[in-house]
Amino acid sequence: MRTRLVIASFCVTLSLFTPAFADCEEDVVALNKALKSSTVTGEAKAKLEAVKKQAVEMAKAEKDKECHALVKDALKSVGIDL
């Protein structure tokens, strides 16, 4: 429970300081933090790992808007708000 609150607080803080345009690198950082969380199940971690691979490729292609949407949806599907 405490970990979820910390992650949620981090995500809220991140969203307050994120510029109007999404930054894929910061989204990958949020994914990494979620993957380190002990409250995320094995199945959810596998899903987030797959999304992380896609996000890294999108970052290389400078597709920040699409990357942000992908990461946001993935985190939301496992119960974490970005």
PDB file of N, CA and C in Angstrom:
ATOM      1  N   MET A   1       0.829  -1.187   0.000  1.00  0.00           N
ATOM      2  CA  MET A   1       0.000   0.000   0.000  1.00  0.00           C
ATOM      3  C   MET A   1       0.871   1.248   0.000  1.00  0.00           C
ATOM      4  N   ARG A   2       1.875   1.253   0.853  1.00  0.00           N
ATOM      5  CA  ARG A   2       2.753   2.405   0.961  1.00  0.00           C
ATOM      6  C   ARG A   2       3.492   2.645  -0.364  1.00  0.00           C
ATOM      7  N   THR A   3       3.920   1.556  -1.007  1.00  0.00           N
ATOM      8  CA  THR A   3       4.629   1.677  -2.283  1.00  0.00           C
ATOM      9  C   THR A   3       3.728   2.277  -3.345  1.00  0.00           C
ATOM     10  N   ARG A   4       2.480   1.868  -3.376  1.00  0.00           N
ATOM     11  CA  ARG A   4       1.543   2.425  -4.343  1.00  0.00           C
ATOM     12  C   ARG A   4       1.357   3.924  -4.130  1.00  0.00           C
ATOM     13  N   LEU A   5       1.309   4.326  -2.877  1.00  0.00           N
ATOM     14  CA  LEU A   5       1.173   5.752  -2.582  1.00  0.00           C
ATOM     15  C   LEU A   5       2.405   6.529  -3.036  1.00  0.00           C
ATOM     16  N   VAL A   6       3.574   5.942  -2.825  1.00  0.00           N
ATOM     17  CA  VAL A   6       4.812   6.593  -3.253  1.00  0.00           C
ATOM     18  C   VAL A   6       4.839   6.717  -4.772  1.00  0.00           C
ATOM     19  N   ILE A   7       4.474   5.641  -5.465  1.00  0.00           N
ATOM     20  CA  ILE A   7       4.457   5.668  -6.928  1.00  0.00           C
ATOM     21  C   ILE A   7       3.421   6.661  -7.420  1.00  0.00           C
ATOM     22  N   ALA A   8       2.253   6.666  -6.809  1.00  0.00           N
ATOM     23  CA  ALA A   8       1.208   7.606  -7.209  1.00  0.00           C
ATOM     24  C   ALA A   8       1.669   9.046  -6.979  1.00  0.00           C
ATOM     25  N   SER A   9       2.313   9.294  -5.853  1.00  0.00           N
ATOM     26  CA  SER A   9       2.823  10.641  -5.567  1.00  0.00           C
ATOM     27  C   SER A   9       3.869  11.045  -6.586  1.00  0.00           C
ATOM     28  N   PHE A  10       4.739  10.108  -6.930  1.00  0.00           N
ATOM     29  CA  PHE A  10       5.765  10.395  -7.937  1.00  0.00           C
ATOM     30  C   PHE A  10       5.116  10.728  -9.272  1.00  0.00           C
ATOM     31  N   CYS A  11       4.133   9.953  -9.674  1.00  0.00           N
ATOM     32  CA  CYS A  11       3.476  10.181 -10.959  1.00  0.00           C
ATOM     33  C   CYS A  11       2.749  11.523 -10.990  1.00  0.00           C
ATOM     34  N   VAL A  12       2.103  11.876  -9.883  1.00  0.00           N
ATOM     35  CA  VAL A  12       1.417  13.169  -9.817  1.00  0.00           C
ATOM     36  C   VAL A  12       2.446  14.289  -9.909  1.00  0.00           C
ATOM     37  N   THR A  13       3.524  14.173  -9.176  1.00  0.00           N
ATOM     38  CA  THR A  13       4.579  15.183  -9.218  1.00  0.00           C
ATOM     39  C   THR A  13       5.161  15.283 -10.616  1.00  0.00           C
ATOM     40  N   LEU A  14       5.411  14.150 -11.226  1.00  0.00           N
ATOM     41  CA  LEU A  14       5.944  14.124 -12.584  1.00  0.00           C
ATOM     42  C   LEU A  14       4.999  14.823 -13.550  1.00  0.00           C
ATOM     43  N   SER A  15       3.714  14.567 -13.418  1.00  0.00           N
ATOM     44  CA  SER A  15       2.756  15.179 -14.335  1.00  0.00           C
ATOM     45  C   SER A  15       2.664  16.691 -14.143  1.00  0.00           C
ATOM     46  N   LEU A  16       2.909  17.170 -12.933  1.00  0.00           N
ATOM     47  CA  LEU A  16       2.867  18.610 -12.684  1.00  0.00           C
ATOM     48  C   LEU A  16       4.049  19.336 -13.305  1.00  0.00           C
ATOM     49  N   PHE A  17       5.170  18.662 -13.392  1.00  0.00           N
ATOM     50  CA  PHE A  17       6.371  19.299 -13.914  1.00  0.00           C
ATOM     51  C   PHE A  17       6.686  18.923 -15.351  1.00  0.00           C
ATOM     52  N   THR A  18       5.894  18.057 -15.939  1.00  0.00           N
ATOM     53  CA  THR A  18       6.114  17.659 -17.322  1.00  0.00           C
ATOM     54  C   THR A  18       5.620  18.772 -18.234  1.00  0.00           C
ATOM     55  N   PRO A  19       6.407  19.116 -19.228  1.00  0.00           N
ATOM     56  CA  PRO A  19       5.958  20.159 -20.150  1.00  0.00           C
ATOM     57  C   PRO A  19       4.731  19.716 -20.929  1.00  0.00           C
ATOM     58  N   ALA A  20       4.140  20.649 -21.660  1.00  0.00           N
ATOM     59  CA  ALA A  20       2.915  20.371 -22.408  1.00  0.00           C
ATOM     60  C   ALA A  20       3.112  19.208 -23.379  1.00  0.00           C
ATOM     61  N   PHE A  21       4.306  19.075 -23.927  1.00  0.00           N
ATOM     62  CA  PHE A  21       4.580  17.961 -24.828  1.00  0.00           C
ATOM     63  C   PHE A  21       5.157  16.817 -24.017  1.00  0.00           C
ATOM     64  N   ALA A  22       4.681  15.638 -24.328  1.00  0.00           N
ATOM     65  CA  ALA A  22       5.116  14.450 -23.596  1.00  0.00           C
ATOM     66  C   ALA A  22       6.595  14.181 -23.871  1.00  0.00           C
ATOM     67  N   ASP A  23       7.295  13.689 -22.868  1.00  0.00           N
ATOM     68  CA  ASP A  23       8.700  13.340 -23.004  1.00  0.00           C
ATOM     69  C   ASP A  23       8.844  11.843 -22.777  1.00  0.00           C
ATOM     70  N   CYS A  24       9.194  11.146 -23.819  1.00  0.00           N
ATOM     71  CA  CYS A  24       9.249   9.684 -23.763  1.00  0.00           C
ATOM     72  C   CYS A  24      10.290   9.186 -22.757  1.00  0.00           C
ATOM     73  N   GLU A  25      11.408   9.872 -22.646  1.00  0.00           N
ATOM     74  CA  GLU A  25      12.445   9.433 -21.712  1.00  0.00           C
ATOM     75  C   GLU A  25      11.931   9.448 -20.276  1.00  0.00           C
ATOM     76  N   GLU A  26      11.159  10.457 -19.938  1.00  0.00           N
ATOM     77  CA  GLU A  26      10.594  10.517 -18.589  1.00  0.00           C
ATOM     78  C   GLU A  26       9.549   9.417 -18.377  1.00  0.00           C
ATOM     79  N   ASP A  27       8.839   9.086 -19.438  1.00  0.00           N
ATOM     80  CA  ASP A  27       7.867   7.995 -19.341  1.00  0.00           C
ATOM     81  C   ASP A  27       8.573   6.662 -19.094  1.00  0.00           C
ATOM     82  N   VAL A  28       9.725   6.478 -19.725  1.00  0.00           N
ATOM     83  CA  VAL A  28      10.504   5.252 -19.510  1.00  0.00           C
ATOM     84  C   VAL A  28      10.997   5.204 -18.061  1.00  0.00           C
ATOM     85  N   VAL A  29      11.355   6.354 -17.510  1.00  0.00           N
ATOM     86  CA  VAL A  29      11.768   6.420 -16.102  1.00  0.00           C
ATOM     87  C   VAL A  29      10.600   6.001 -15.204  1.00  0.00           C
ATOM     88  N   ALA A  30       9.402   6.479 -15.510  1.00  0.00           N
ATOM     89  CA  ALA A  30       8.213   6.100 -14.735  1.00  0.00           C
ATOM     90  C   ALA A  30       7.958   4.599 -14.848  1.00  0.00           C
ATOM     91  N   LEU A  31       8.164   4.038 -16.034  1.00  0.00           N
ATOM     92  CA  LEU A  31       8.020   2.589 -16.210  1.00  0.00           C
ATOM     93  C   LEU A  31       9.024   1.835 -15.356  1.00  0.00           C
ATOM     94  N   ASN A  32      10.261   2.298 -15.341  1.00  0.00           N
ATOM     95  CA  ASN A  32      11.290   1.640 -14.531  1.00  0.00           C
ATOM     96  C   ASN A  32      10.929   1.665 -13.050  1.00  0.00           C
ATOM     97  N   LYS A  33      10.422   2.790 -12.575  1.00  0.00           N
ATOM     98  CA  LYS A  33      10.009   2.870 -11.171  1.00  0.00           C
ATOM     99  C   LYS A  33       8.869   1.896 -10.884  1.00  0.00           C
ATOM    100  N   ALA A  34       7.927   1.801 -11.800  1.00  0.00           N
ATOM    101  CA  ALA A  34       6.809   0.875 -11.617  1.00  0.00           C
ATOM    102  C   ALA A  34       7.303  -0.570 -11.617  1.00  0.00           C
ATOM    103  N   LEU A  35       8.272  -0.872 -12.470  1.00  0.00           N
ATOM    104  CA  LEU A  35       8.808  -2.238 -12.535  1.00  0.00           C
ATOM    105  C   LEU A  35       9.538  -2.626 -11.257  1.00  0.00           C
ATOM    106  N   LYS A  36      10.091  -1.660 -10.551  1.00  0.00           N
ATOM    107  CA  LYS A  36      10.800  -1.930  -9.299  1.00  0.00           C
ATOM    108  C   LYS A  36       9.852  -2.064  -8.112  1.00  0.00           C
ATOM    109  N   SER A  37       8.606  -1.719  -8.311  1.00  0.00           N
ATOM    110  CA  SER A  37       7.626  -1.764  -7.234  1.00  0.00           C
ATOM    111  C   SER A  37       7.319  -3.203  -6.843  1.00  0.00           C
ATOM    112  N   SER A  38       7.210  -3.435  -5.562  1.00  0.00           N
ATOM    113  CA  SER A  38       6.900  -4.782  -5.077  1.00  0.00           C
ATOM    114  C   SER A  38       5.409  -5.096  -5.164  1.00  0.00           C
ATOM    115  N   THR A  39       4.598  -4.104  -5.435  1.00  0.00           N
ATOM    116  CA  THR A  39       3.153  -4.329  -5.494  1.00  0.00           C
ATOM    117  C   THR A  39       2.673  -4.735  -6.888  1.00  0.00           C
ATOM    118  N   VAL A  40       3.529  -4.618  -7.888  1.00  0.00           N
ATOM    119  CA  VAL A  40       3.148  -4.983  -9.255  1.00  0.00           C
ATOM    120  C   VAL A  40       3.341  -6.483  -9.423  1.00  0.00           C
ATOM    121  N   THR A  41       2.320  -7.161  -9.925  1.00  0.00           N
ATOM    122  CA  THR A  41       2.371  -8.617 -10.085  1.00  0.00           C
ATOM    123  C   THR A  41       3.334  -9.011 -11.209  1.00  0.00           C
ATOM    124  N   GLY A  42       3.670 -10.283 -11.242  1.00  0.00           N
ATOM    125  CA  GLY A  42       4.558 -10.802 -12.284  1.00  0.00           C
ATOM    126  C   GLY A  42       3.984 -10.604 -13.674  1.00  0.00           C
ATOM    127  N   GLU A  43       2.694 -10.843 -13.815  1.00  0.00           N
ATOM    128  CA  GLU A  43       2.024 -10.665 -15.107  1.00  0.00           C
ATOM    129  C   GLU A  43       2.078  -9.204 -15.547  1.00  0.00           C
ATOM    130  N   ALA A  44       1.836  -8.310 -14.602  1.00  0.00           N
ATOM    131  CA  ALA A  44       1.879  -6.876 -14.905  1.00  0.00           C
ATOM    132  C   ALA A  44       3.301  -6.443 -15.266  1.00  0.00           C
ATOM    133  N   LYS A  45       4.287  -6.994 -14.557  1.00  0.00           N
ATOM    134  CA  LYS A  45       5.679  -6.657 -14.862  1.00  0.00           C
ATOM    135  C   LYS A  45       6.054  -7.111 -16.268  1.00  0.00           C
ATOM    136  N   ALA A  46       5.574  -8.283 -16.671  1.00  0.00           N
ATOM    137  CA  ALA A  46       5.853  -8.774 -18.025  1.00  0.00           C
ATOM    138  C   ALA A  46       5.251  -7.830 -19.064  1.00  0.00           C
ATOM    139  N   LYS A  47       4.035  -7.370 -18.804  1.00  0.00           N
ATOM    140  CA  LYS A  47       3.383  -6.434 -19.721  1.00  0.00           C
ATOM    141  C   LYS A  47       4.153  -5.117 -19.786  1.00  0.00           C
ATOM    142  N   LEU A  48       4.571  -4.616 -18.628  1.00  0.00           N
ATOM    143  CA  LEU A  48       5.307  -3.357 -18.592  1.00  0.00           C
ATOM    144  C   LEU A  48       6.678  -3.476 -19.261  1.00  0.00           C
ATOM    145  N   GLU A  49       7.322  -4.644 -19.138  1.00  0.00           N
ATOM    146  CA  GLU A  49       8.604  -4.865 -19.818  1.00  0.00           C
ATOM    147  C   GLU A  49       8.430  -4.788 -21.330  1.00  0.00           C
ATOM    148  N   ALA A  50       7.345  -5.385 -21.836  1.00  0.00           N
ATOM    149  CA  ALA A  50       7.074  -5.339 -23.276  1.00  0.00           C
ATOM    150  C   ALA A  50       6.815  -3.905 -23.725  1.00  0.00           C
ATOM    151  N   VAL A  51       6.069  -3.162 -22.925  1.00  0.00           N
ATOM    152  CA  VAL A  51       5.782  -1.763 -23.246  1.00  0.00           C
ATOM    153  C   VAL A  51       7.068  -0.942 -23.189  1.00  0.00           C
ATOM    154  N   LYS A  52       7.935  -1.262 -22.236  1.00  0.00           N
ATOM    155  CA  LYS A  52       9.199  -0.535 -22.106  1.00  0.00           C
ATOM    156  C   LYS A  52      10.029  -0.685 -23.384  1.00  0.00           C
ATOM    157  N   LYS A  53      10.076  -1.885 -23.935  1.00  0.00           N
ATOM    158  CA  LYS A  53      10.821  -2.112 -25.180  1.00  0.00           C
ATOM    159  C   LYS A  53      10.256  -1.252 -26.305  1.00  0.00           C
ATOM    160  N   GLN A  54       8.927  -1.202 -26.397  1.00  0.00           N
ATOM    161  CA  GLN A  54       8.286  -0.380 -27.421  1.00  0.00           C
ATOM    162  C   GLN A  54       8.578   1.104 -27.181  1.00  0.00           C
ATOM    163  N   ALA A  55       8.529   1.519 -25.933  1.00  0.00           N
ATOM    164  CA  ALA A  55       8.759   2.925 -25.592  1.00  0.00           C
ATOM    165  C   ALA A  55      10.178   3.356 -25.935  1.00  0.00           C
ATOM    166  N   VAL A  56      11.146   2.482 -25.698  1.00  0.00           N
ATOM    167  CA  VAL A  56      12.531   2.802 -26.033  1.00  0.00           C
ATOM    168  C   VAL A  56      12.670   2.987 -27.537  1.00  0.00           C
ATOM    169  N   GLU A  57      12.035   2.116 -28.312  1.00  0.00           N
ATOM    170  CA  GLU A  57      12.072   2.259 -29.772  1.00  0.00           C
ATOM    171  C   GLU A  57      11.407   3.567 -30.216  1.00  0.00           C
ATOM    172  N   MET A  58      10.301   3.912 -29.576  1.00  0.00           N
ATOM    173  CA  MET A  58       9.620   5.165 -29.909  1.00  0.00           C
ATOM    174  C   MET A  58      10.472   6.373 -29.531  1.00  0.00           C
ATOM    175  N   ALA A  59      11.206   6.272 -28.435  1.00  0.00           N
ATOM    176  CA  ALA A  59      12.083   7.373 -28.027  1.00  0.00           C
ATOM    177  C   ALA A  59      13.179   7.587 -29.067  1.00  0.00           C
ATOM    178  N   LYS A  60      13.713   6.483 -29.568  1.00  0.00           N
ATOM    179  CA  LYS A  60      14.747   6.579 -30.599  1.00  0.00           C
ATOM    180  C   LYS A  60      14.199   7.235 -31.868  1.00  0.00           C
ATOM    181  N   ALA A  61      12.934   6.969 -32.166  1.00  0.00           N
ATOM    182  CA  ALA A  61      12.290   7.530 -33.356  1.00  0.00           C
ATOM    183  C   ALA A  61      11.678   8.907 -33.089  1.00  0.00           C
ATOM    184  N   GLU A  62      11.849   9.402 -31.856  1.00  0.00           N
ATOM    185  CA  GLU A  62      11.319  10.703 -31.438  1.00  0.00           C
ATOM    186  C   GLU A  62       9.802  10.803 -31.603  1.00  0.00           C
ATOM    187  N   LYS A  63       9.126   9.759 -31.228  1.00  0.00           N
ATOM    188  CA  LYS A  63       7.662   9.723 -31.259  1.00  0.00           C
ATOM    189  C   LYS A  63       7.140   9.889 -29.838  1.00  0.00           C
ATOM    190  N   ASP A  64       7.404  11.067 -29.257  1.00  0.00           N
ATOM    191  CA  ASP A  64       7.079  11.312 -27.852  1.00  0.00           C
ATOM    192  C   ASP A  64       5.589  11.218 -27.553  1.00  0.00           C
ATOM    193  N   LYS A  65       4.770  11.758 -28.405  1.00  0.00           N
ATOM    194  CA  LYS A  65       3.328  11.762 -28.142  1.00  0.00           C
ATOM    195  C   LYS A  65       2.772  10.332 -28.119  1.00  0.00           C
ATOM    196  N   GLU A  66       3.170   9.520 -29.088  1.00  0.00           N
ATOM    197  CA  GLU A  66       2.703   8.132 -29.146  1.00  0.00           C
ATOM    198  C   GLU A  66       3.260   7.319 -27.981  1.00  0.00           C
ATOM    199  N   CYS A  67       4.512   7.589 -27.642  1.00  0.00           N
ATOM    200  CA  CYS A  67       5.161   6.898 -26.525  1.00  0.00           C
ATOM    201  C   CYS A  67       4.434   7.206 -25.219  1.00  0.00           C
ATOM    202  N   HIS A  68       4.134   8.473 -25.014  1.00  0.00           N
ATOM    203  CA  HIS A  68       3.453   8.882 -23.784  1.00  0.00           C
ATOM    204  C   HIS A  68       2.097   8.183 -23.661  1.00  0.00           C
ATOM    205  N   ALA A  69       1.350   8.142 -24.761  1.00  0.00           N
ATOM    206  CA  ALA A  69       0.041   7.487 -24.737  1.00  0.00           C
ATOM    207  C   ALA A  69       0.186   5.999 -24.428  1.00  0.00           C
ATOM    208  N   LEU A  70       1.178   5.350 -25.028  1.00  0.00           N
ATOM    209  CA  LEU A  70       1.412   3.922 -24.798  1.00  0.00           C
ATOM    210  C   LEU A  70       1.734   3.648 -23.335  1.00  0.00           C
ATOM    211  N   VAL A  71       2.662   4.419 -22.784  1.00  0.00           N
ATOM    212  CA  VAL A  71       3.085   4.216 -21.393  1.00  0.00           C
ATOM    213  C   VAL A  71       1.945   4.540 -20.432  1.00  0.00           C
ATOM    214  N   LYS A  72       1.252   5.618 -20.685  1.00  0.00           N
ATOM    215  CA  LYS A  72       0.134   6.015 -19.818  1.00  0.00           C
ATOM    216  C   LYS A  72      -0.922   4.917 -19.773  1.00  0.00           C
ATOM    217  N   ASP A  73      -1.284   4.378 -20.930  1.00  0.00           N
ATOM    218  CA  ASP A  73      -2.282   3.310 -20.986  1.00  0.00           C
ATOM    219  C   ASP A  73      -1.791   2.040 -20.281  1.00  0.00           C
ATOM    220  N   ALA A  74      -0.527   1.712 -20.475  1.00  0.00           N
ATOM    221  CA  ALA A  74       0.031   0.505 -19.846  1.00  0.00           C
ATOM    222  C   ALA A  74       0.047   0.638 -18.324  1.00  0.00           C
ATOM    223  N   LEU A  75       0.485   1.787 -17.834  1.00  0.00           N
ATOM    224  CA  LEU A  75       0.518   1.977 -16.376  1.00  0.00           C
ATOM    225  C   LEU A  75      -0.888   1.984 -15.800  1.00  0.00           C
ATOM    226  N   LYS A  76      -1.811   2.606 -16.522  1.00  0.00           N
ATOM    227  CA  LYS A  76      -3.200   2.643 -16.054  1.00  0.00           C
ATOM    228  C   LYS A  76      -3.780   1.234 -15.987  1.00  0.00           C
ATOM    229  N   SER A  77      -3.429   0.389 -16.949  1.00  0.00           N
ATOM    230  CA  SER A  77      -3.965  -0.977 -16.983  1.00  0.00           C
ATOM    231  C   SER A  77      -3.488  -1.824 -15.799  1.00  0.00           C
ATOM    232  N   VAL A  78      -2.371  -1.437 -15.189  1.00  0.00           N
ATOM    233  CA  VAL A  78      -1.886  -2.167 -14.016  1.00  0.00           C
ATOM    234  C   VAL A  78      -2.159  -1.409 -12.716  1.00  0.00           C
ATOM    235  N   GLY A  79      -2.959  -0.334 -12.815  1.00  0.00           N
ATOM    236  CA  GLY A  79      -3.407   0.369 -11.619  1.00  0.00           C
ATOM    237  C   GLY A  79      -2.533   1.519 -11.161  1.00  0.00           C
ATOM    238  N   ILE A  80      -1.692   2.043 -12.063  1.00  0.00           N
ATOM    239  CA  ILE A  80      -0.831   3.178 -11.717  1.00  0.00           C
ATOM    240  C   ILE A  80      -1.161   4.313 -12.661  1.00  0.00           C
ATOM    241  N   ASP A  81      -1.401   5.501 -12.112  1.00  0.00           N
ATOM    242  CA  ASP A  81      -1.680   6.670 -12.936  1.00  0.00           C
ATOM    243  C   ASP A  81      -0.402   7.411 -13.247  1.00  0.00           C
ATOM    244  N   LEU A  82      -0.296   7.865 -14.491  1.00  0.00           N
ATOM    245  CA  LEU A  82       0.874   8.643 -14.897  1.00  0.00           C
ATOM    246  C   LEU A  82       0.553  10.109 -14.815  1.00  0.00           C
TER     247      LEU A  82
END
